[in-house]
Protein backbone atom coordinates (compact mmCIF):
# COMPACT_ATOMS: atom_id res chain seq x y z
CA UNK A 1 -95.43 -65.69 132.45
CA UNK A 2 -95.58 -65.12 136.20
CA UNK A 3 -98.01 -66.54 138.36
CA UNK A 4 -98.47 -65.80 141.99
CA UNK A 5 -99.57 -68.48 144.57
CA UNK A 6 -102.81 -67.74 146.79
CA UNK A 7 -101.59 -66.72 150.22
CA UNK A 8 -97.89 -66.90 149.49
CA UNK A 9 -95.65 -64.07 148.40
CA UNK A 10 -93.49 -66.13 146.26
CA UNK A 11 -94.35 -65.95 142.44
CA UNK A 12 -93.19 -68.33 140.02
CA UNK A 13 -92.25 -67.47 136.03
CA UNK A 14 -92.39 -70.20 133.21
CA UNK A 15 -89.38 -70.12 130.83
CA UNK A 16 -89.34 -72.04 127.64
CA UNK A 17 -88.48 -71.28 123.80
CA UNK A 18 -88.95 -72.89 120.71
CA UNK A 19 -86.40 -74.10 118.22
CA UNK A 20 -84.97 -71.42 116.04
CA UNK A 21 -87.26 -70.35 113.02
CA UNK A 22 -84.86 -68.76 110.11
CA UNK A 23 -88.21 -67.43 107.96
CA UNK A 24 -90.56 -67.17 110.98
CA UNK A 25 -90.33 -63.38 111.22
CA UNK A 26 -90.24 -62.69 107.37
CA UNK A 27 -90.54 -65.55 104.51
CA UNK A 28 -87.96 -65.15 101.78
CA UNK A 29 -88.92 -62.19 99.23
CA UNK A 30 -86.96 -59.35 97.15
CA UNK A 31 -86.89 -56.18 99.28
CA UNK A 32 -86.53 -52.70 97.83
CA UNK A 33 -83.96 -50.28 98.23
CA UNK A 34 -83.92 -48.75 101.87
CA UNK A 35 -87.46 -50.49 102.27
CA UNK A 36 -89.12 -52.66 105.13
CA UNK A 37 -89.44 -56.41 105.01
CA UNK A 38 -93.05 -57.91 105.52
CA UNK A 39 -93.66 -59.16 108.63
CA UNK A 40 -95.73 -62.20 107.45
CA UNK A 41 -93.79 -65.40 108.60
CA UNK A 42 -95.23 -68.14 111.03
CA UNK A 43 -94.40 -66.19 114.08
CA UNK A 44 -96.25 -63.00 113.15
CA UNK A 45 -99.30 -61.56 113.88
CA UNK A 46 -100.93 -58.39 112.50
CA UNK A 47 -97.94 -57.27 111.10
CA UNK A 48 -95.63 -57.80 114.08
CA UNK A 49 -93.91 -60.26 116.07
CA UNK A 50 -93.82 -61.35 119.92
CA UNK A 51 -91.57 -64.10 120.64
CA UNK A 52 -92.17 -66.92 123.26
CA UNK A 53 -89.07 -66.00 124.97
CA UNK A 54 -87.00 -62.83 123.89
CA UNK A 55 -84.38 -63.88 121.53
CA UNK A 56 -81.95 -62.58 118.87
CA UNK A 57 -82.72 -61.97 115.33
CA UNK A 58 -81.42 -63.41 112.36
CA UNK A 59 -81.01 -62.16 108.57
CA UNK A 60 -80.82 -64.76 105.44
CA UNK A 61 -79.56 -62.95 102.44
CA UNK A 62 -80.00 -64.64 98.75
CA UNK A 63 -77.07 -62.30 97.40
CA UNK A 64 -74.28 -60.30 98.52
CA UNK A 65 -75.44 -58.08 101.39
CA UNK A 66 -72.37 -57.41 103.27
CA UNK A 67 -72.36 -54.04 102.11
CA UNK A 68 -75.63 -52.89 103.64
CA UNK A 69 -77.65 -53.28 106.90
CA UNK A 70 -80.90 -54.21 108.32
CA UNK A 71 -82.44 -52.29 111.35
CA UNK A 72 -84.56 -54.37 113.59
CA UNK A 73 -86.78 -52.20 115.74
CA UNK A 74 -89.09 -53.43 118.67
CA UNK A 75 -88.82 -54.14 122.59
CA UNK A 76 -86.07 -55.73 124.61
CA UNK A 77 -86.13 -58.57 127.12
CA UNK A 78 -87.36 -55.54 129.51
CA UNK A 79 -90.28 -54.44 127.62
CA UNK A 80 -88.16 -51.25 126.61
CA UNK A 81 -87.93 -49.72 123.08
CA UNK A 82 -84.91 -51.15 121.30
CA UNK A 83 -83.02 -51.34 117.93
CA UNK A 84 -80.11 -53.12 116.47
CA UNK A 85 -78.35 -52.68 113.39
CA UNK A 86 -77.07 -56.01 111.54
CA UNK A 87 -74.75 -56.18 108.88
CA UNK A 88 -76.23 -58.38 106.10
CA UNK A 89 -74.18 -61.40 104.91
CA UNK A 90 -73.03 -62.37 101.38
CA UNK A 91 -75.51 -65.20 100.68
CA UNK A 92 -75.75 -66.37 104.35
CA UNK A 93 -77.23 -65.62 107.44
CA UNK A 94 -76.22 -62.43 109.34
CA UNK A 95 -76.79 -63.02 113.67
CA UNK A 96 -77.74 -60.37 115.69
CA UNK A 97 -76.97 -60.23 119.26
CA UNK A 98 -79.76 -58.16 121.21
CA UNK A 99 -82.53 -60.00 122.73
CA UNK A 100 -85.81 -58.76 121.35
CA UNK A 101 -89.29 -59.63 123.13
CA UNK A 102 -91.14 -57.95 120.01
CA UNK A 103 -90.44 -56.97 116.54
CA UNK A 104 -92.81 -54.04 114.83
CA UNK A 105 -90.24 -53.52 111.64
CA UNK A 106 -87.01 -54.62 109.69
CA UNK A 107 -85.82 -52.27 106.82
CA UNK A 108 -83.26 -52.56 104.70
CA UNK A 109 -80.40 -49.67 105.00
CA UNK A 110 -79.21 -50.02 101.09
CA UNK A 111 -80.50 -52.34 98.26
CA UNK A 112 -80.51 -55.84 98.98
CA UNK A 113 -78.98 -58.06 96.09
CA UNK A 114 -81.57 -61.02 96.42
CA UNK A 115 -84.27 -62.37 98.19
CA UNK A 116 -84.06 -61.61 102.26
CA UNK A 117 -86.00 -63.49 104.96
CA UNK A 118 -85.66 -62.89 108.83
CA UNK A 119 -86.12 -65.25 111.59
CA UNK A 120 -85.56 -65.82 115.14
CA UNK A 121 -82.23 -67.04 116.29
CA UNK A 122 -81.16 -69.64 119.24
CA UNK A 123 -79.69 -67.08 121.91
CA UNK A 124 -82.78 -66.51 124.42
CA UNK A 125 -83.25 -64.42 127.35
CA UNK A 126 -85.84 -65.84 130.05
CA UNK A 127 -87.39 -62.98 132.16
CA UNK A 128 -87.53 -63.99 135.87
CA UNK A 129 -88.78 -60.44 136.57
CA UNK A 130 -87.79 -57.13 135.50
CA UNK A 131 -88.36 -55.51 138.85
CA UNK A 132 -86.12 -56.18 141.96
CA UNK A 133 -86.71 -59.90 142.93
CA UNK A 134 -84.90 -62.66 144.87
CA UNK A 135 -84.78 -66.16 143.42
CA UNK A 136 -86.04 -68.63 145.82
CA UNK A 137 -86.20 -71.71 143.69
CA UNK A 138 -85.28 -73.30 140.43
CA UNK A 139 -87.03 -76.28 138.58
CA UNK A 140 -85.45 -76.98 135.14
CA UNK A 141 -86.40 -79.54 132.55
CA UNK A 142 -82.66 -80.51 130.84
CA UNK A 143 -82.38 -80.06 127.09
CA UNK A 144 -80.38 -82.47 124.65
CA UNK A 145 -76.90 -80.94 125.48
CA UNK A 146 -74.99 -80.61 129.11
CA UNK A 147 -74.74 -76.49 129.09
CA UNK A 148 -74.41 -73.88 131.39
CA UNK A 149 -77.25 -71.56 132.10
CA UNK A 150 -76.53 -68.03 133.02
CA UNK A 151 -78.41 -65.73 135.58
CA UNK A 152 -77.97 -61.89 135.09
CA UNK A 153 -78.96 -58.56 136.98
CA UNK A 154 -80.68 -55.98 134.76
CA UNK A 155 -80.66 -56.90 131.46
CA UNK A 156 -79.61 -60.42 129.45
CA UNK A 157 -76.16 -58.57 129.27
CA UNK A 158 -76.08 -57.67 132.87
CA UNK A 159 -73.86 -58.51 135.73
CA UNK A 160 -73.93 -62.55 136.21
CA UNK A 161 -75.07 -63.40 139.90
CA UNK A 162 -75.03 -67.27 139.27
CA UNK A 163 -74.69 -70.24 136.89
CA UNK A 164 -75.75 -73.39 136.56
CA UNK A 165 -75.17 -76.62 134.63
CA UNK A 166 -77.50 -78.64 133.20
CA UNK A 167 -77.25 -82.41 132.10
CA UNK A 168 -77.79 -83.73 128.88
CA UNK A 169 -81.09 -85.78 129.12
CA UNK A 170 -84.36 -84.63 127.58
CA UNK A 171 -87.37 -84.53 129.93
CA UNK A 172 -84.63 -85.09 133.15
CA UNK A 173 -85.38 -82.63 135.68
CA UNK A 174 -83.22 -80.82 137.95
CA UNK A 175 -84.19 -78.87 141.02
CA UNK A 176 -81.41 -77.28 142.79
CA UNK A 177 -81.38 -75.67 145.97
CA UNK A 178 -80.88 -71.79 146.34
CA UNK A 179 -79.33 -71.07 149.75
CA UNK A 180 -80.20 -68.98 152.82
CA UNK A 181 -82.74 -66.48 151.97
CA UNK A 182 -82.65 -66.48 148.18
CA UNK A 183 -80.35 -64.88 145.57
CA UNK A 184 -80.76 -60.63 145.12
CA UNK A 185 -81.49 -59.53 141.46
CA UNK A 186 -81.65 -55.63 142.54
CA UNK A 187 -82.28 -54.50 138.83
CA UNK A 188 -84.25 -57.54 137.88
CA UNK A 189 -83.59 -61.08 137.04
CA UNK A 190 -82.84 -62.76 133.58
CA UNK A 191 -81.44 -66.12 132.60
CA UNK A 192 -79.81 -66.62 129.36
CA UNK A 193 -79.68 -69.77 127.40
CA UNK A 194 -79.76 -71.37 123.85
CA UNK A 195 -82.85 -72.51 122.80
CA UNK A 196 -83.77 -76.27 122.89
CA UNK A 197 -80.47 -77.84 123.60
CA UNK A 198 -79.61 -76.26 127.03
CA UNK A 199 -83.19 -76.63 128.37
CA UNK A 200 -86.56 -77.50 127.29
CA UNK A 201 -88.23 -75.42 130.30
CA UNK A 202 -87.57 -73.66 133.47
CA UNK A 203 -89.62 -72.70 136.30
CA UNK A 204 -88.19 -70.12 138.79
CA UNK A 205 -89.66 -69.36 142.08
CA UNK A 206 -89.23 -65.88 143.66
CA UNK A 207 -90.41 -62.94 145.99
């Protein structure tokens, strides 16, 4: 969420992420051969999902799905159409690596052996700005664990431009300085972190 202050060219972006929800996208149900999962979990609305922050997807298999895969379709952290193939697990959870902002479908490629559910993972990508920007400041509300949050250019897997170490202290604050005229992200700015533990919330200031 980006907000622009009146009379200023500095904009703020608020970044936060809820805890992972293993069946928030699709609750456990039988899935037919090459059939789509029903997007009807707590995070779904109207047959699709929009995450609080772009994040990875998990697939929980009740049987041995290690020989099949699941195709996730939606949009990525930049709002661009995205697809990921996630190989199923043997009575366990398969974890995707791509960041999704929205999900419009998840389809089995093969015949699942048991019930299947889908949810949100813990790997998150906050969006500072998808356009060229210059980071001017950061305000962090720390999480339960000391961690390193990573600022990247271009995408959630792009070039690392800066790293910042949080402290273990829920509801404690960090407001580090960004030197000189700010840090330039020519291809857009993104920050990657683990949901809940790394930070509770972050506000970035940019122009």
